[in-house]
Amino acid sequence: MEVEEMVNKVRKEQGRAFDMEQLVRSCVGNVIMNMLFGHRFDHFNPAFQQMLSDLEELTASFLMVVELFPVLRFLPYFKMSLDKYSRSHRSVMSFIEDNIATCIEVSLLFISGTARYS
């Protein structure tokens, strides 16, 4: 499904140059989300895009440097970066917890027989 989505978006560009980074990130993220939660997200879903952005922030951080040199955490630049890292981490965890709660809710509805199919 995601490959089809990617191909359609590339075709829409009709040979014009464009940055595929966001498209690839969204498609890969959707494959992972579908495996974890059983559904995909719209590529323009703000919560999904924020989670992808926060994950990129987490992976691009230089937390390892601070772990190697703990005294750096007291310097303003590193302190601000650690605060930003913490906010991104909380945001990603909140997104995941919300989707887990939704999956549990849907499962309980299905088990109780009150689930409605659309």
C-alpha atoms as a PDB file:
ATOM      1  CA  MET A   1       0.000   0.000   0.000  1.00  0.00           C
ATOM      2  CA  GLU A   2       2.806   2.397   0.858  1.00  0.00           C
ATOM      3  CA  VAL A   3       4.721   1.600  -2.313  1.00  0.00           C
ATOM      4  CA  GLU A   4       1.589   2.424  -4.297  1.00  0.00           C
ATOM      5  CA  GLU A   5       1.221   5.683  -2.361  1.00  0.00           C
ATOM      6  CA  MET A   6       4.847   6.584  -3.065  1.00  0.00           C
ATOM      7  CA  VAL A   7       4.568   5.777  -6.771  1.00  0.00           C
ATOM      8  CA  ASN A   8       1.403   7.904  -7.071  1.00  0.00           C
ATOM      9  CA  LYS A   9       3.063  10.872  -5.379  1.00  0.00           C
ATOM     10  CA  VAL A  10       6.136  10.575  -7.606  1.00  0.00           C
ATOM     11  CA  ARG A  11       3.900  10.427 -10.699  1.00  0.00           C
ATOM     12  CA  LYS A  12       2.067  13.570  -9.543  1.00  0.00           C
ATOM     13  CA  GLU A  13       5.348  15.475  -9.771  1.00  0.00           C
ATOM     14  CA  GLN A  14       5.476  14.650 -13.511  1.00  0.00           C
ATOM     15  CA  GLY A  15       9.243  14.527 -13.693  1.00  0.00           C
ATOM     16  CA  ARG A  16       9.834  17.730 -11.732  1.00  0.00           C
ATOM     17  CA  ALA A  17      12.608  17.676  -9.152  1.00  0.00           C
ATOM     18  CA  PHE A  18      11.387  17.397  -5.560  1.00  0.00           C
ATOM     19  CA  ASP A  19      12.700  16.385  -2.162  1.00  0.00           C
ATOM     20  CA  MET A  20      11.712  12.786  -1.472  1.00  0.00           C
ATOM     21  CA  GLU A  21      12.958  12.754   2.131  1.00  0.00           C
ATOM     22  CA  GLN A  22       9.565  13.545   3.690  1.00  0.00           C
ATOM     23  CA  LEU A  23       7.781  11.087   1.398  1.00  0.00           C
ATOM     24  CA  VAL A  24      10.188   8.245   2.198  1.00  0.00           C
ATOM     25  CA  ARG A  25      10.063   9.044   5.918  1.00  0.00           C
ATOM     26  CA  SER A  26       6.245   8.997   5.889  1.00  0.00           C
ATOM     27  CA  CYS A  27       6.051   5.756   3.900  1.00  0.00           C
ATOM     28  CA  VAL A  28       8.574   3.926   6.085  1.00  0.00           C
ATOM     29  CA  GLY A  29       6.866   5.292   9.201  1.00  0.00           C
ATOM     30  CA  ASN A  30       3.517   4.048   7.947  1.00  0.00           C
ATOM     31  CA  VAL A  31       4.880   0.559   7.314  1.00  0.00           C
ATOM     32  CA  ILE A  32       6.117   0.469  10.914  1.00  0.00           C
ATOM     33  CA  MET A  33       2.870   1.945  12.290  1.00  0.00           C
ATOM     34  CA  ASN A  34       0.832  -0.580  10.315  1.00  0.00           C
ATOM     35  CA  MET A  35       2.898  -3.413  11.765  1.00  0.00           C
ATOM     36  CA  LEU A  36       2.600  -2.036  15.307  1.00  0.00           C
ATOM     37  CA  PHE A  37      -0.963  -0.714  15.374  1.00  0.00           C
ATOM     38  CA  GLY A  38      -2.684  -2.347  12.408  1.00  0.00           C
ATOM     39  CA  HIS A  39      -3.410   0.863  10.517  1.00  0.00           C
ATOM     40  CA  ARG A  40      -1.640   3.537   8.550  1.00  0.00           C
ATOM     41  CA  PHE A  41      -1.774   7.299   8.934  1.00  0.00           C
ATOM     42  CA  ASP A  42      -2.496   9.932   6.355  1.00  0.00           C
ATOM     43  CA  HIS A  43       0.786  11.462   5.202  1.00  0.00           C
ATOM     44  CA  PHE A  44      -0.534  14.900   6.192  1.00  0.00           C
ATOM     45  CA  ASN A  45      -1.753  13.852   9.664  1.00  0.00           C
ATOM     46  CA  PRO A  46      -0.206  16.488  11.978  1.00  0.00           C
ATOM     47  CA  ALA A  47       0.279  14.071  14.902  1.00  0.00           C
ATOM     48  CA  PHE A  48       1.988  11.540  12.626  1.00  0.00           C
ATOM     49  CA  GLN A  49       4.247  14.179  11.083  1.00  0.00           C
ATOM     50  CA  GLN A  50       5.118  15.554  14.526  1.00  0.00           C
ATOM     51  CA  MET A  51       6.036  12.072  15.726  1.00  0.00           C
ATOM     52  CA  LEU A  52       8.272  11.574  12.673  1.00  0.00           C
ATOM     53  CA  SER A  53       9.903  14.935  13.297  1.00  0.00           C
ATOM     54  CA  ASP A  54      10.441  14.116  16.970  1.00  0.00           C
ATOM     55  CA  LEU A  55      11.972  10.749  16.072  1.00  0.00           C
ATOM     56  CA  GLU A  56      14.334  12.458  13.658  1.00  0.00           C
ATOM     57  CA  GLU A  57      15.285  14.886  16.425  1.00  0.00           C
ATOM     58  CA  LEU A  58      15.926  12.002  18.815  1.00  0.00           C
ATOM     59  CA  THR A  59      18.091  10.076  16.381  1.00  0.00           C
ATOM     60  CA  ALA A  60      20.043  13.135  15.266  1.00  0.00           C
ATOM     61  CA  SER A  61      20.829  14.266  18.817  1.00  0.00           C
ATOM     62  CA  PHE A  62      24.267  14.118  20.282  1.00  0.00           C
ATOM     63  CA  LEU A  63      23.184  12.557  23.552  1.00  0.00           C
ATOM     64  CA  MET A  64      26.086  10.149  23.351  1.00  0.00           C
ATOM     65  CA  VAL A  65      28.542  13.051  23.648  1.00  0.00           C
ATOM     66  CA  VAL A  66      26.879  14.146  26.883  1.00  0.00           C
ATOM     67  CA  GLU A  67      26.967  10.565  28.164  1.00  0.00           C
ATOM     68  CA  LEU A  68      30.688  10.390  27.445  1.00  0.00           C
ATOM     69  CA  PHE A  69      31.342  13.808  29.009  1.00  0.00           C
ATOM     70  CA  PRO A  70      28.670  14.320  31.711  1.00  0.00           C
ATOM     71  CA  VAL A  71      30.044  17.715  32.729  1.00  0.00           C
ATOM     72  CA  LEU A  72      28.795  19.109  29.393  1.00  0.00           C
ATOM     73  CA  ARG A  73      25.182  18.896  30.573  1.00  0.00           C
ATOM     74  CA  PHE A  74      25.791  21.937  32.752  1.00  0.00           C
ATOM     75  CA  LEU A  75      26.769  24.155  29.830  1.00  0.00           C
ATOM     76  CA  PRO A  76      23.851  26.206  28.425  1.00  0.00           C
ATOM     77  CA  TYR A  77      24.094  24.882  24.860  1.00  0.00           C
ATOM     78  CA  PHE A  78      24.029  21.233  25.933  1.00  0.00           C
ATOM     79  CA  LYS A  79      21.402  21.896  28.611  1.00  0.00           C
ATOM     80  CA  MET A  80      19.054  23.369  25.958  1.00  0.00           C
ATOM     81  CA  SER A  81      19.729  20.410  23.672  1.00  0.00           C
ATOM     82  CA  LEU A  82      18.966  17.935  26.437  1.00  0.00           C
ATOM     83  CA  ASP A  83      15.711  19.778  27.185  1.00  0.00           C
ATOM     84  CA  LYS A  84      14.764  19.588  23.507  1.00  0.00           C
ATOM     85  CA  TYR A  85      15.664  15.888  23.467  1.00  0.00           C
ATOM     86  CA  SER A  86      13.459  15.285  26.519  1.00  0.00           C
ATOM     87  CA  ARG A  87      10.491  17.078  24.927  1.00  0.00           C
ATOM     88  CA  SER A  88      10.874  15.052  21.724  1.00  0.00           C
ATOM     89  CA  HIS A  89      11.109  11.828  23.688  1.00  0.00           C
ATOM     90  CA  ARG A  90       7.946  12.615  25.675  1.00  0.00           C
ATOM     91  CA  SER A  91       6.106  13.526  22.476  1.00  0.00           C
ATOM     92  CA  VAL A  92       7.048  10.269  20.735  1.00  0.00           C
ATOM     93  CA  MET A  93       6.128   8.224  23.797  1.00  0.00           C
ATOM     94  CA  SER A  94       2.775  10.015  24.065  1.00  0.00           C
ATOM     95  CA  PHE A  95       2.006   9.262  20.395  1.00  0.00           C
ATOM     96  CA  ILE A  96       2.841   5.590  20.875  1.00  0.00           C
ATOM     97  CA  GLU A  97       0.864   5.316  24.141  1.00  0.00           C
ATOM     98  CA  ASP A  98      -2.190   6.960  22.526  1.00  0.00           C
ATOM     99  CA  ASN A  99      -2.096   4.467  19.662  1.00  0.00           C
ATOM    100  CA  ILE A 100      -1.656   1.534  22.025  1.00  0.00           C
ATOM    101  CA  ALA A 101      -4.697   2.759  23.989  1.00  0.00           C
ATOM    102  CA  THR A 102      -6.711   2.981  20.760  1.00  0.00           C
ATOM    103  CA  CYS A 103      -5.702  -0.576  19.798  1.00  0.00           C
ATOM    104  CA  ILE A 104      -6.709  -1.854  23.237  1.00  0.00           C
ATOM    105  CA  GLU A 105     -10.044  -0.033  23.026  1.00  0.00           C
ATOM    106  CA  VAL A 106     -10.805  -1.462  19.583  1.00  0.00           C
ATOM    107  CA  SER A 107      -9.768  -4.945  20.742  1.00  0.00           C
ATOM    108  CA  LEU A 108     -12.037  -4.739  23.786  1.00  0.00           C
ATOM    109  CA  LEU A 109     -14.946  -3.598  21.617  1.00  0.00           C
ATOM    110  CA  PHE A 110     -14.290  -6.480  19.247  1.00  0.00           C
ATOM    111  CA  ILE A 111     -14.092  -9.001  22.086  1.00  0.00           C
ATOM    112  CA  SER A 112     -17.290  -7.716  23.673  1.00  0.00           C
ATOM    113  CA  GLY A 113     -19.066  -7.937  20.322  1.00  0.00           C
ATOM    114  CA  THR A 114     -20.003  -4.247  20.186  1.00  0.00           C
ATOM    115  CA  ALA A 115     -17.564  -3.341  17.416  1.00  0.00           C
ATOM    116  CA  ARG A 116     -19.150  -1.763  14.365  1.00  0.00           C
ATOM    117  CA  TYR A 117     -17.729  -2.283  10.948  1.00  0.00           C
ATOM    118  CA  SER A 118     -17.821   0.518   8.419  1.00  0.00           C
END
